[in-house]
Amino acid sequence: MDNLDLQILDLLKENSRISVTEISKQIGRSHSATRLRLGRIIESGVIEKFTVLVNAEILEVLSREEVSEETSQESNDYSGNDSETSSLISDLPIQNLNGEGEVSSVKDSRPVIGSTSRES
C-alpha cells in the first residue's frame, strides 16, 4: 500500500458511498487507475465491508414526517400508526450518536467494484 491507497481509504472512511469518479478526481488519477487500485485494496482484505451508520434521532423524525404526509395525502389507504413506524425503525442497524450500539452490515444490491457480475 502506498500513499495513494491510503488517500483512497481516507476518502472511503469519510463516505463509503463515494463514487470511483469522485475518488479519482480527488486523488488526481484516471478513473480506470483508481478503479484498479480500489479493486486491489478490496481483494487484499484491507476493506472488510462497506457499512451505513444510521442516526436514529433524525431517522425517527423524518419517518414521522413522511408518515404524516402520507396520512394527509392518502388517508384512506394508510392504516399504520406511530407504533408501526417505531417498530420498523427499531429493526434497522443503528449506531447511536454517542457511539453505542452494534452496527450490522446493510445489503447493497450494487455490484462490488471490480466485479463483473451484478451479484455480490
PDB file of N, CA and C in Angstrom:
ATOM      1  N   MET A   1       0.851  -1.187   0.000  1.00  0.00           N
ATOM      2  CA  MET A   1       0.000   0.000   0.000  1.00  0.00           C
ATOM      3  C   MET A   1       0.885   1.233   0.000  1.00  0.00           C
ATOM      4  N   ASP A   2       0.520   2.147  -0.866  1.00  0.00           N
ATOM      5  CA  ASP A   2       1.277   3.392  -0.928  1.00  0.00           C
ATOM      6  C   ASP A   2       0.396   4.569  -0.508  1.00  0.00           C
ATOM      7  N   ASN A   3       0.915   5.762  -0.695  1.00  0.00           N
ATOM      8  CA  ASN A   3       0.225   6.972  -0.266  1.00  0.00           C
ATOM      9  C   ASN A   3      -1.134   7.140  -0.964  1.00  0.00           C
ATOM     10  N   LEU A   4      -1.222   6.817  -2.243  1.00  0.00           N
ATOM     11  CA  LEU A   4      -2.499   6.936  -2.959  1.00  0.00           C
ATOM     12  C   LEU A   4      -3.546   5.977  -2.394  1.00  0.00           C
ATOM     13  N   ASP A   5      -3.130   4.776  -2.086  1.00  0.00           N
ATOM     14  CA  ASP A   5      -4.055   3.811  -1.481  1.00  0.00           C
ATOM     15  C   ASP A   5      -4.578   4.331  -0.141  1.00  0.00           C
ATOM     16  N   LEU A   6      -3.699   4.927   0.630  1.00  0.00           N
ATOM     17  CA  LEU A   6      -4.111   5.489   1.928  1.00  0.00           C
ATOM     18  C   LEU A   6      -5.070   6.656   1.733  1.00  0.00           C
ATOM     19  N   GLN A   7      -4.857   7.457   0.687  1.00  0.00           N
ATOM     20  CA  GLN A   7      -5.788   8.554   0.383  1.00  0.00           C
ATOM     21  C   GLN A   7      -7.165   8.001   0.018  1.00  0.00           C
ATOM     22  N   ILE A   8      -7.174   6.934  -0.774  1.00  0.00           N
ATOM     23  CA  ILE A   8      -8.440   6.290  -1.146  1.00  0.00           C
ATOM     24  C   ILE A   8      -9.158   5.801   0.107  1.00  0.00           C
ATOM     25  N   LEU A   9      -8.430   5.159   0.995  1.00  0.00           N
ATOM     26  CA  LEU A   9      -9.037   4.665   2.241  1.00  0.00           C
ATOM     27  C   LEU A   9      -9.591   5.804   3.084  1.00  0.00           C
ATOM     28  N   ASP A  10      -8.863   6.909   3.154  1.00  0.00           N
ATOM     29  CA  ASP A  10      -9.352   8.061   3.918  1.00  0.00           C
ATOM     30  C   ASP A  10     -10.657   8.591   3.335  1.00  0.00           C
ATOM     31  N   LEU A  11     -10.740   8.675   2.000  1.00  0.00           N
ATOM     32  CA  LEU A  11     -11.964   9.140   1.359  1.00  0.00           C
ATOM     33  C   LEU A  11     -13.124   8.182   1.638  1.00  0.00           C
ATOM     34  N   LEU A  12     -12.852   6.892   1.593  1.00  0.00           N
ATOM     35  CA  LEU A  12     -13.892   5.902   1.864  1.00  0.00           C
ATOM     36  C   LEU A  12     -14.320   5.914   3.330  1.00  0.00           C
ATOM     37  N   LYS A  13     -13.399   6.211   4.232  1.00  0.00           N
ATOM     38  CA  LYS A  13     -13.771   6.300   5.653  1.00  0.00           C
ATOM     39  C   LYS A  13     -14.717   7.470   5.877  1.00  0.00           C
ATOM     40  N   GLU A  14     -14.503   8.561   5.133  1.00  0.00           N
ATOM     41  CA  GLU A  14     -15.392   9.717   5.233  1.00  0.00           C
ATOM     42  C   GLU A  14     -16.759   9.421   4.652  1.00  0.00           C
ATOM     43  N   ASN A  15     -16.763   8.720   3.490  1.00  0.00           N
ATOM     44  CA  ASN A  15     -18.009   8.443   2.783  1.00  0.00           C
ATOM     45  C   ASN A  15     -17.854   7.140   2.014  1.00  0.00           C
ATOM     46  N   SER A  16     -18.395   6.068   2.548  1.00  0.00           N
ATOM     47  CA  SER A  16     -18.213   4.758   1.923  1.00  0.00           C
ATOM     48  C   SER A  16     -18.971   4.616   0.610  1.00  0.00           C
ATOM     49  N   ARG A  17     -19.819   5.564   0.293  1.00  0.00           N
ATOM     50  CA  ARG A  17     -20.581   5.512  -0.960  1.00  0.00           C
ATOM     51  C   ARG A  17     -20.026   6.465  -2.022  1.00  0.00           C
ATOM     52  N   ILE A  18     -18.860   7.030  -1.783  1.00  0.00           N
ATOM     53  CA  ILE A  18     -18.257   7.935  -2.753  1.00  0.00           C
ATOM     54  C   ILE A  18     -18.008   7.176  -4.059  1.00  0.00           C
ATOM     55  N   SER A  19     -18.221   7.839  -5.171  1.00  0.00           N
ATOM     56  CA  SER A  19     -18.054   7.173  -6.461  1.00  0.00           C
ATOM     57  C   SER A  19     -16.572   7.086  -6.828  1.00  0.00           C
ATOM     58  N   VAL A  20     -16.262   6.125  -7.687  1.00  0.00           N
ATOM     59  CA  VAL A  20     -14.889   5.988  -8.179  1.00  0.00           C
ATOM     60  C   VAL A  20     -14.492   7.256  -8.923  1.00  0.00           C
ATOM     61  N   THR A  21     -15.429   7.841  -9.650  1.00  0.00           N
ATOM     62  CA  THR A  21     -15.159   9.088 -10.378  1.00  0.00           C
ATOM     63  C   THR A  21     -14.730  10.190  -9.422  1.00  0.00           C
ATOM     64  N   GLU A  22     -15.444  10.326  -8.313  1.00  0.00           N
ATOM     65  CA  GLU A  22     -15.103  11.369  -7.334  1.00  0.00           C
ATOM     66  C   GLU A  22     -13.762  11.073  -6.667  1.00  0.00           C
ATOM     67  N   ILE A  23     -13.516   9.816  -6.337  1.00  0.00           N
ATOM     68  CA  ILE A  23     -12.220   9.452  -5.754  1.00  0.00           C
ATOM     69  C   ILE A  23     -11.104   9.811  -6.725  1.00  0.00           C
ATOM     70  N   SER A  24     -11.279   9.453  -8.000  1.00  0.00           N
ATOM     71  CA  SER A  24     -10.233   9.709  -8.992  1.00  0.00           C
ATOM     72  C   SER A  24      -9.959  11.205  -9.138  1.00  0.00           C
ATOM     73  N   LYS A  25     -10.990  12.033  -9.076  1.00  0.00           N
ATOM     74  CA  LYS A  25     -10.802  13.492  -9.128  1.00  0.00           C
ATOM     75  C   LYS A  25      -9.996  13.970  -7.926  1.00  0.00           C
ATOM     76  N   GLN A  26     -10.332  13.445  -6.752  1.00  0.00           N
ATOM     77  CA  GLN A  26      -9.694  13.933  -5.533  1.00  0.00           C
ATOM     78  C   GLN A  26      -8.250  13.470  -5.385  1.00  0.00           C
ATOM     79  N   ILE A  27      -7.906  12.319  -5.967  1.00  0.00           N
ATOM     80  CA  ILE A  27      -6.515  11.862  -5.851  1.00  0.00           C
ATOM     81  C   ILE A  27      -5.700  12.181  -7.111  1.00  0.00           C
ATOM     82  N   GLY A  28      -6.360  12.740  -8.132  1.00  0.00           N
ATOM     83  CA  GLY A  28      -5.656  13.162  -9.334  1.00  0.00           C
ATOM     84  C   GLY A  28      -5.209  12.022 -10.235  1.00  0.00           C
ATOM     85  N   ARG A  29      -5.993  10.963 -10.297  1.00  0.00           N
ATOM     86  CA  ARG A  29      -5.673   9.821 -11.159  1.00  0.00           C
ATOM     87  C   ARG A  29      -6.862   9.533 -12.064  1.00  0.00           C
ATOM     88  N   SER A  30      -6.648   8.730 -13.098  1.00  0.00           N
ATOM     89  CA  SER A  30      -7.726   8.384 -14.015  1.00  0.00           C
ATOM     90  C   SER A  30      -8.737   7.466 -13.321  1.00  0.00           C
ATOM     91  N   HIS A  31      -9.919   7.431 -13.897  1.00  0.00           N
ATOM     92  CA  HIS A  31     -10.976   6.572 -13.364  1.00  0.00           C
ATOM     93  C   HIS A  31     -10.526   5.109 -13.362  1.00  0.00           C
ATOM     94  N   SER A  32      -9.953   4.650 -14.472  1.00  0.00           N
ATOM     95  CA  SER A  32      -9.564   3.237 -14.555  1.00  0.00           C
ATOM     96  C   SER A  32      -8.433   2.900 -13.581  1.00  0.00           C
ATOM     97  N   ALA A  33      -7.473   3.803 -13.418  1.00  0.00           N
ATOM     98  CA  ALA A  33      -6.379   3.561 -12.471  1.00  0.00           C
ATOM     99  C   ALA A  33      -6.916   3.502 -11.037  1.00  0.00           C
ATOM    100  N   THR A  34      -7.862   4.389 -10.741  1.00  0.00           N
ATOM    101  CA  THR A  34      -8.459   4.416  -9.405  1.00  0.00           C
ATOM    102  C   THR A  34      -9.265   3.146  -9.159  1.00  0.00           C
ATOM    103  N   ARG A  35     -10.016   2.721 -10.161  1.00  0.00           N
ATOM    104  CA  ARG A  35     -10.824   1.501 -10.036  1.00  0.00           C
ATOM    105  C   ARG A  35      -9.930   0.283  -9.801  1.00  0.00           C
ATOM    106  N   LEU A  36      -8.807   0.210 -10.508  1.00  0.00           N
ATOM    107  CA  LEU A  36      -7.866  -0.900 -10.309  1.00  0.00           C
ATOM    108  C   LEU A  36      -7.285  -0.892  -8.902  1.00  0.00           C
ATOM    109  N   ARG A  37      -6.885   0.291  -8.434  1.00  0.00           N
ATOM    110  CA  ARG A  37      -6.328   0.404  -7.080  1.00  0.00           C
ATOM    111  C   ARG A  37      -7.366  -0.023  -6.043  1.00  0.00           C
ATOM    112  N   LEU A  38      -8.585   0.459  -6.207  1.00  0.00           N
ATOM    113  CA  LEU A  38      -9.636   0.127  -5.254  1.00  0.00           C
ATOM    114  C   LEU A  38      -9.927  -1.369  -5.277  1.00  0.00           C
ATOM    115  N   GLY A  39      -9.940  -1.954  -6.455  1.00  0.00           N
ATOM    116  CA  GLY A  39     -10.141  -3.397  -6.564  1.00  0.00           C
ATOM    117  C   GLY A  39      -9.069  -4.175  -5.823  1.00  0.00           C
ATOM    118  N   ARG A  40      -7.808  -3.726  -5.953  1.00  0.00           N
ATOM    119  CA  ARG A  40      -6.706  -4.405  -5.246  1.00  0.00           C
ATOM    120  C   ARG A  40      -6.833  -4.244  -3.740  1.00  0.00           C
ATOM    121  N   ILE A  41      -7.261  -3.068  -3.298  1.00  0.00           N
ATOM    122  CA  ILE A  41      -7.445  -2.842  -1.860  1.00  0.00           C
ATOM    123  C   ILE A  41      -8.517  -3.793  -1.319  1.00  0.00           C
ATOM    124  N   ILE A  42      -9.623  -3.916  -2.056  1.00  0.00           N
ATOM    125  CA  ILE A  42     -10.713  -4.796  -1.633  1.00  0.00           C
ATOM    126  C   ILE A  42     -10.249  -6.249  -1.626  1.00  0.00           C
ATOM    127  N   GLU A  43      -9.589  -6.672  -2.703  1.00  0.00           N
ATOM    128  CA  GLU A  43      -9.114  -8.061  -2.797  1.00  0.00           C
ATOM    129  C   GLU A  43      -8.092  -8.401  -1.717  1.00  0.00           C
ATOM    130  N   SER A  44      -7.320  -7.414  -1.281  1.00  0.00           N
ATOM    131  CA  SER A  44      -6.301  -7.667  -0.256  1.00  0.00           C
ATOM    132  C   SER A  44      -6.918  -7.923   1.117  1.00  0.00           C
ATOM    133  N   GLY A  45      -8.184  -7.546   1.290  1.00  0.00           N
ATOM    134  CA  GLY A  45      -8.850  -7.745   2.574  1.00  0.00           C
ATOM    135  C   GLY A  45      -8.746  -6.562   3.510  1.00  0.00           C
ATOM    136  N   VAL A  46      -8.094  -5.490   3.081  1.00  0.00           N
ATOM    137  CA  VAL A  46      -7.989  -4.306   3.936  1.00  0.00           C
ATOM    138  C   VAL A  46      -9.375  -3.744   4.222  1.00  0.00           C
ATOM    139  N   ILE A  47     -10.236  -3.742   3.213  1.00  0.00           N
ATOM    140  CA  ILE A  47     -11.627  -3.322   3.395  1.00  0.00           C
ATOM    141  C   ILE A  47     -12.451  -4.576   3.612  1.00  0.00           C
ATOM    142  N   GLU A  48     -13.057  -4.683   4.792  1.00  0.00           N
ATOM    143  CA  GLU A  48     -13.881  -5.848   5.105  1.00  0.00           C
ATOM    144  C   GLU A  48     -15.290  -5.700   4.586  1.00  0.00           C
ATOM    145  N   LYS A  49     -15.878  -4.510   4.747  1.00  0.00           N
ATOM    146  CA  LYS A  49     -17.235  -4.276   4.278  1.00  0.00           C
ATOM    147  C   LYS A  49     -17.504  -2.776   4.229  1.00  0.00           C
ATOM    148  N   PHE A  50     -18.501  -2.424   3.448  1.00  0.00           N
ATOM    149  CA  PHE A  50     -18.976  -1.055   3.386  1.00  0.00           C
ATOM    150  C   PHE A  50     -20.246  -1.009   4.219  1.00  0.00           C
ATOM    151  N   THR A  51     -20.354  -0.059   5.131  1.00  0.00           N
ATOM    152  CA  THR A  51     -21.497  -0.032   6.043  1.00  0.00           C
ATOM    153  C   THR A  51     -22.180   1.329   6.040  1.00  0.00           C
ATOM    154  N   VAL A  52     -23.316   1.365   6.672  1.00  0.00           N
ATOM    155  CA  VAL A  52     -24.083   2.587   6.842  1.00  0.00           C
ATOM    156  C   VAL A  52     -24.311   2.781   8.336  1.00  0.00           C
ATOM    157  N   LEU A  53     -24.051   3.979   8.821  1.00  0.00           N
ATOM    158  CA  LEU A  53     -24.375   4.323  10.202  1.00  0.00           C
ATOM    159  C   LEU A  53     -25.635   5.173  10.161  1.00  0.00           C
ATOM    160  N   VAL A  54     -26.657   4.765  10.887  1.00  0.00           N
ATOM    161  CA  VAL A  54     -27.941   5.448  10.869  1.00  0.00           C
ATOM    162  C   VAL A  54     -28.065   6.297  12.124  1.00  0.00           C
ATOM    163  N   ASN A  55     -28.407   7.576  11.942  1.00  0.00           N
ATOM    164  CA  ASN A  55     -28.688   8.459  13.057  1.00  0.00           C
ATOM    165  C   ASN A  55     -30.146   8.226  13.442  1.00  0.00           C
ATOM    166  N   ALA A  56     -30.367   7.531  14.540  1.00  0.00           N
ATOM    167  CA  ALA A  56     -31.708   7.107  14.943  1.00  0.00           C
ATOM    168  C   ALA A  56     -32.641   8.290  15.182  1.00  0.00           C
ATOM    169  N   GLU A  57     -32.126   9.349  15.750  1.00  0.00           N
ATOM    170  CA  GLU A  57     -32.974  10.503  16.049  1.00  0.00           C
ATOM    171  C   GLU A  57     -33.490  11.160  14.772  1.00  0.00           C
ATOM    172  N   ILE A  58     -32.614  11.379  13.819  1.00  0.00           N
ATOM    173  CA  ILE A  58     -33.018  12.003  12.563  1.00  0.00           C
ATOM    174  C   ILE A  58     -33.950  11.076  11.791  1.00  0.00           C
ATOM    175  N   LEU A  59     -33.635   9.786  11.746  1.00  0.00           N
ATOM    176  CA  LEU A  59     -34.471   8.831  11.037  1.00  0.00           C
ATOM    177  C   LEU A  59     -35.883   8.822  11.597  1.00  0.00           C
ATOM    178  N   GLU A  60     -35.998   8.837  12.904  1.00  0.00           N
ATOM    179  CA  GLU A  60     -37.318   8.808  13.518  1.00  0.00           C
ATOM    180  C   GLU A  60     -38.116  10.061  13.176  1.00  0.00           C
ATOM    181  N   VAL A  61     -37.468  11.229  13.218  1.00  0.00           N
ATOM    182  CA  VAL A  61     -38.156  12.478  12.874  1.00  0.00           C
ATOM    183  C   VAL A  61     -38.604  12.454  11.418  1.00  0.00           C
ATOM    184  N   LEU A  62     -37.700  12.065  10.516  1.00  0.00           N
ATOM    185  CA  LEU A  62     -38.041  12.026   9.091  1.00  0.00           C
ATOM    186  C   LEU A  62     -39.123  10.997   8.797  1.00  0.00           C
ATOM    187  N   SER A  63     -39.079   9.862   9.474  1.00  0.00           N
ATOM    188  CA  SER A  63     -40.090   8.835   9.265  1.00  0.00           C
ATOM    189  C   SER A  63     -41.462   9.316   9.708  1.00  0.00           C
ATOM    190  N   ARG A  64     -41.505  10.007  10.821  1.00  0.00           N
ATOM    191  CA  ARG A  64     -42.786  10.539  11.302  1.00  0.00           C
ATOM    192  C   ARG A  64     -43.328  11.594  10.348  1.00  0.00           C
ATOM    193  N   GLU A  65     -42.436  12.446   9.808  1.00  0.00           N
ATOM    194  CA  GLU A  65     -42.866  13.457   8.848  1.00  0.00           C
ATOM    195  C   GLU A  65     -43.426  12.796   7.602  1.00  0.00           C
ATOM    196  N   GLU A  66     -42.771  11.760   7.120  1.00  0.00           N
ATOM    197  CA  GLU A  66     -43.225  11.063   5.917  1.00  0.00           C
ATOM    198  C   GLU A  66     -44.567  10.390   6.152  1.00  0.00           C
ATOM    199  N   VAL A  67     -44.716   9.741   7.300  1.00  0.00           N
ATOM    200  CA  VAL A  67     -45.984   9.090   7.628  1.00  0.00           C
ATOM    201  C   VAL A  67     -47.077  10.138   7.719  1.00  0.00           C
ATOM    202  N   SER A  68     -46.753  11.295   8.294  1.00  0.00           N
ATOM    203  CA  SER A  68     -47.723  12.371   8.419  1.00  0.00           C
ATOM    204  C   SER A  68     -48.154  12.877   7.044  1.00  0.00           C
ATOM    205  N   GLU A  69     -47.193  13.024   6.130  1.00  0.00           N
ATOM    206  CA  GLU A  69     -47.518  13.464   4.769  1.00  0.00           C
ATOM    207  C   GLU A  69     -48.365  12.426   4.049  1.00  0.00           C
ATOM    208  N   GLU A  70     -48.014  11.152   4.174  1.00  0.00           N
ATOM    209  CA  GLU A  70     -48.783  10.086   3.526  1.00  0.00           C
ATOM    210  C   GLU A  70     -50.199  10.050   4.079  1.00  0.00           C
ATOM    211  N   THR A  71     -50.331  10.248   5.373  1.00  0.00           N
ATOM    212  CA  THR A  71     -51.643  10.195   6.007  1.00  0.00           C
ATOM    213  C   THR A  71     -52.521  11.316   5.492  1.00  0.00           C
ATOM    214  N   SER A  72     -51.961  12.504   5.357  1.00  0.00           N
ATOM    215  CA  SER A  72     -52.769  13.624   4.893  1.00  0.00           C
ATOM    216  C   SER A  72     -53.095  13.513   3.408  1.00  0.00           C
ATOM    217  N   GLN A  73     -52.216  12.902   2.612  1.00  0.00           N
ATOM    218  CA  GLN A  73     -52.457  12.772   1.174  1.00  0.00           C
ATOM    219  C   GLN A  73     -53.337  11.578   0.847  1.00  0.00           C
ATOM    220  N   GLU A  74     -53.155  10.478   1.544  1.00  0.00           N
ATOM    221  CA  GLU A  74     -53.866   9.239   1.221  1.00  0.00           C
ATOM    222  C   GLU A  74     -54.444   8.617   2.486  1.00  0.00           C
ATOM    223  N   SER A  75     -55.268   9.360   3.199  1.00  0.00           N
ATOM    224  CA  SER A  75     -55.746   8.899   4.496  1.00  0.00           C
ATOM    225  C   SER A  75     -56.543   7.597   4.402  1.00  0.00           C
ATOM    226  N   ASN A  76     -57.199   7.335   3.307  1.00  0.00           N
ATOM    227  CA  ASN A  76     -57.965   6.094   3.185  1.00  0.00           C
ATOM    228  C   ASN A  76     -57.077   4.880   2.939  1.00  0.00           C
ATOM    229  N   ASP A  77     -55.912   5.088   2.350  1.00  0.00           N
ATOM    230  CA  ASP A  77     -55.014   3.977   2.024  1.00  0.00           C
ATOM    231  C   ASP A  77     -54.074   3.613   3.153  1.00  0.00           C
ATOM    232  N   TYR A  78     -53.897   4.462   4.135  1.00  0.00           N
ATOM    233  CA  TYR A  78     -52.898   4.222   5.190  1.00  0.00           C
ATOM    234  C   TYR A  78     -53.589   3.785   6.468  1.00  0.00           C
ATOM    235  N   SER A  79     -53.220   2.607   6.956  1.00  0.00           N
ATOM    236  CA  SER A  79     -53.821   2.112   8.197  1.00  0.00           C
ATOM    237  C   SER A  79     -52.788   1.981   9.303  1.00  0.00           C
ATOM    238  N   GLY A  80     -51.559   2.482   9.083  1.00  0.00           N
ATOM    239  CA  GLY A  80     -50.476   2.353  10.055  1.00  0.00           C
ATOM    240  C   GLY A  80     -50.599   3.360  11.174  1.00  0.00           C
ATOM    241  N   ASN A  81     -49.675   3.241  12.140  1.00  0.00           N
ATOM    242  CA  ASN A  81     -49.628   4.193  13.232  1.00  0.00           C
ATOM    243  C   ASN A  81     -48.182   4.383  13.659  1.00  0.00           C
ATOM    244  N   ASP A  82     -47.966   5.251  14.634  1.00  0.00           N
ATOM    245  CA  ASP A  82     -46.609   5.540  15.081  1.00  0.00           C
ATOM    246  C   ASP A  82     -45.908   4.312  15.648  1.00  0.00           C
ATOM    247  N   SER A  83     -46.656   3.383  16.262  1.00  0.00           N
ATOM    248  CA  SER A  83     -46.006   2.199  16.811  1.00  0.00           C
ATOM    249  C   SER A  83     -45.469   1.312  15.701  1.00  0.00           C
ATOM    250  N   GLU A  84     -46.158   1.257  14.546  1.00  0.00           N
ATOM    251  CA  GLU A  84     -45.639   0.502  13.409  1.00  0.00           C
ATOM    252  C   GLU A  84     -44.360   1.138  12.889  1.00  0.00           C
ATOM    253  N   THR A  85     -44.354   2.468  12.798  1.00  0.00           N
ATOM    254  CA  THR A  85     -43.155   3.183  12.346  1.00  0.00           C
ATOM    255  C   THR A  85     -42.009   2.939  13.307  1.00  0.00           C
ATOM    256  N   SER A  86     -42.276   3.026  14.599  1.00  0.00           N
ATOM    257  CA  SER A  86     -41.231   2.780  15.590  1.00  0.00           C
ATOM    258  C   SER A  86     -40.698   1.371  15.487  1.00  0.00           C
ATOM    259  N   SER A  87     -41.588   0.420  15.220  1.00  0.00           N
ATOM    260  CA  SER A  87     -41.181  -0.970  15.068  1.00  0.00           C
ATOM    261  C   SER A  87     -40.259  -1.132  13.866  1.00  0.00           C
ATOM    262  N   LEU A  88     -40.611  -0.489  12.758  1.00  0.00           N
ATOM    263  CA  LEU A  88     -39.762  -0.552  11.568  1.00  0.00           C
ATOM    264  C   LEU A  88     -38.396   0.054  11.844  1.00  0.00           C
ATOM    265  N   ILE A  89     -38.375   1.170  12.534  1.00  0.00           N
ATOM    266  CA  ILE A  89     -37.110   1.833  12.847  1.00  0.00           C
ATOM    267  C   ILE A  89     -36.277   0.967  13.767  1.00  0.00           C
ATOM    268  N   SER A  90     -36.896   0.314  14.736  1.00  0.00           N
ATOM    269  CA  SER A  90     -36.125  -0.481  15.692  1.00  0.00           C
ATOM    270  C   SER A  90     -35.473  -1.690  15.041  1.00  0.00           C
ATOM    271  N   ASP A  91     -35.975  -2.117  13.874  1.00  0.00           N
ATOM    272  CA  ASP A  91     -35.387  -3.253  13.170  1.00  0.00           C
ATOM    273  C   ASP A  91     -34.144  -2.880  12.368  1.00  0.00           C
ATOM    274  N   LEU A  92     -33.864  -1.593  12.216  1.00  0.00           N
ATOM    275  CA  LEU A  92     -32.718  -1.162  11.420  1.00  0.00           C
ATOM    276  C   LEU A  92     -31.427  -1.268  12.220  1.00  0.00           C
ATOM    277  N   PRO A  93     -30.279  -1.503  11.525  1.00  0.00           N
ATOM    278  CA  PRO A  93     -28.988  -1.473  12.224  1.00  0.00           C
ATOM    279  C   PRO A  93     -28.657  -0.031  12.546  1.00  0.00           C
ATOM    280  N   ILE A  94     -28.550   0.286  13.826  1.00  0.00           N
ATOM    281  CA  ILE A  94     -28.406   1.687  14.230  1.00  0.00           C
ATOM    282  C   ILE A  94     -27.158   1.876  15.072  1.00  0.00           C
ATOM    283  N   GLN A  95     -26.442   2.958  14.786  1.00  0.00           N
ATOM    284  CA  GLN A  95     -25.310   3.392  15.595  1.00  0.00           C
ATOM    285  C   GLN A  95     -25.761   4.675  16.271  1.00  0.00           C
ATOM    286  N   ASN A  96     -25.855   4.669  17.573  1.00  0.00           N
ATOM    287  CA  ASN A  96     -26.268   5.858  18.293  1.00  0.00           C
ATOM    288  C   ASN A  96     -25.231   6.955  18.143  1.00  0.00           C
ATOM    289  N   LEU A  97     -25.666   8.195  18.352  1.00  0.00           N
ATOM    290  CA  LEU A  97     -24.765   9.333  18.235  1.00  0.00           C
ATOM    291  C   LEU A  97     -23.602   9.245  19.212  1.00  0.00           C
ATOM    292  N   ASN A  98     -23.827   8.640  20.376  1.00  0.00           N
ATOM    293  CA  ASN A  98     -22.766   8.551  21.370  1.00  0.00           C
ATOM    294  C   ASN A  98     -21.840   7.368  21.107  1.00  0.00           C
ATOM    295  N   GLY A  99     -22.045   6.659  19.993  1.00  0.00           N
ATOM    296  CA  GLY A  99     -21.144   5.573  19.623  1.00  0.00           C
ATOM    297  C   GLY A  99     -21.534   4.225  20.176  1.00  0.00           C
ATOM    298  N   GLU A 100     -22.635   4.152  20.925  1.00  0.00           N
ATOM    299  CA  GLU A 100     -23.055   2.885  21.482  1.00  0.00           C
ATOM    300  C   GLU A 100     -23.920   2.146  20.471  1.00  0.00           C
ATOM    301  N   GLY A 101     -24.019   0.876  20.635  1.00  0.00           N
ATOM    302  CA  GLY A 101     -24.884   0.080  19.765  1.00  0.00           C
ATOM    303  C   GLY A 101     -24.081  -0.656  18.723  1.00  0.00           C
ATOM    304  N   GLU A 102     -24.635  -1.740  18.267  1.00  0.00           N
ATOM    305  CA  GLU A 102     -23.952  -2.579  17.287  1.00  0.00           C
ATOM    306  C   GLU A 102     -24.334  -2.139  15.886  1.00  0.00           C
ATOM    307  N   VAL A 103     -23.367  -2.146  14.998  1.00  0.00           N
ATOM    308  CA  VAL A 103     -23.619  -1.793  13.618  1.00  0.00           C
ATOM    309  C   VAL A 103     -23.543  -3.069  12.796  1.00  0.00           C
ATOM    310  N   SER A 104     -24.600  -3.356  12.066  1.00  0.00           N
ATOM    311  CA  SER A 104     -24.621  -4.521  11.195  1.00  0.00           C
ATOM    312  C   SER A 104     -24.428  -4.051   9.760  1.00  0.00           C
ATOM    313  N   SER A 105     -24.033  -4.961   8.909  1.00  0.00           N
ATOM    314  CA  SER A 105     -23.884  -4.579   7.512  1.00  0.00           C
ATOM    315  C   SER A 105     -25.256  -4.475   6.873  1.00  0.00           C
ATOM    316  N   VAL A 106     -25.338  -3.641   5.849  1.00  0.00           N
ATOM    317  CA  VAL A 106     -26.567  -3.428   5.122  1.00  0.00           C
ATOM    318  C   VAL A 106     -26.363  -3.985   3.726  1.00  0.00           C
ATOM    319  N   LYS A 107     -27.271  -4.837   3.270  1.00  0.00           N
ATOM    320  CA  LYS A 107     -27.159  -5.463   1.954  1.00  0.00           C
ATOM    321  C   LYS A 107     -27.281  -4.384   0.887  1.00  0.00           C
ATOM    322  N   ASP A 108     -26.355  -4.347  -0.009  1.00  0.00           N
ATOM    323  CA  ASP A 108     -26.340  -3.387  -1.096  1.00  0.00           C
ATOM    324  C   ASP A 108     -26.380  -4.170  -2.395  1.00  0.00           C
ATOM    325  N   SER A 109     -27.371  -3.916  -3.231  1.00  0.00           N
ATOM    326  CA  SER A 109     -27.547  -4.679  -4.459  1.00  0.00           C
ATOM    327  C   SER A 109     -26.632  -4.212  -5.580  1.00  0.00           C
ATOM    328  N   ARG A 110     -25.887  -3.115  -5.341  1.00  0.00           N
ATOM    329  CA  ARG A 110     -24.972  -2.657  -6.379  1.00  0.00           C
ATOM    330  C   ARG A 110     -23.802  -3.618  -6.480  1.00  0.00           C
ATOM    331  N   PRO A 111     -23.210  -3.736  -7.670  1.00  0.00           N
ATOM    332  CA  PRO A 111     -22.070  -4.654  -7.818  1.00  0.00           C
ATOM    333  C   PRO A 111     -20.854  -4.148  -7.052  1.00  0.00           C
ATOM    334  N   VAL A 112     -20.050  -5.068  -6.578  1.00  0.00           N
ATOM    335  CA  VAL A 112     -18.817  -4.723  -5.900  1.00  0.00           C
ATOM    336  C   VAL A 112     -17.863  -4.144  -6.940  1.00  0.00           C
ATOM    337  N   ILE A 113     -17.139  -3.112  -6.568  1.00  0.00           N
ATOM    338  CA  ILE A 113     -16.197  -2.505  -7.503  1.00  0.00           C
ATOM    339  C   ILE A 113     -15.219  -3.545  -7.957  1.00  0.00           C
ATOM    340  N   GLY A 114     -15.047  -3.659  -9.244  1.00  0.00           N
ATOM    341  CA  GLY A 114     -14.149  -4.648  -9.793  1.00  0.00           C
ATOM    342  C   GLY A 114     -14.839  -5.946 -10.158  1.00  0.00           C
ATOM    343  N   SER A 115     -16.093  -6.101  -9.762  1.00  0.00           N
ATOM    344  CA  SER A 115     -16.851  -7.318 -10.049  1.00  0.00           C
ATOM    345  C   SER A 115     -17.465  -7.210 -11.430  1.00  0.00           C
ATOM    346  N   THR A 116     -17.587  -8.331 -12.108  1.00  0.00           N
ATOM    347  CA  THR A 116     -18.214  -8.324 -13.431  1.00  0.00           C
ATOM    348  C   THR A 116     -19.651  -8.774 -13.387  1.00  0.00           C
ATOM    349  N   SER A 117     -20.102  -9.294 -12.251  1.00  0.00           N
ATOM    350  CA  SER A 117     -21.497  -9.738 -12.147  1.00  0.00           C
ATOM    351  C   SER A 117     -22.278  -8.775 -11.270  1.00  0.00           C
ATOM    352  N   ARG A 118     -23.586  -8.846 -11.335  1.00  0.00           N
ATOM    353  CA  ARG A 118     -24.459  -7.996 -10.525  1.00  0.00           C
ATOM    354  C   ARG A 118     -24.651  -8.562  -9.132  1.00  0.00           C
ATOM    355  N   GLU A 119     -24.243  -9.797  -8.907  1.00  0.00           N
ATOM    356  CA  GLU A 119     -24.395 -10.400  -7.583  1.00  0.00           C
ATOM    357  C   GLU A 119     -23.109 -10.222  -6.795  1.00  0.00           C
ATOM    358  N   SER A 120     -23.268  -9.950  -5.477  1.00  0.00           N
ATOM    359  CA  SER A 120     -22.071  -9.795  -4.634  1.00  0.00           C
ATOM    360  C   SER A 120     -21.986 -10.884  -3.614  1.00  0.00           C
TER     361      SER A 120
END
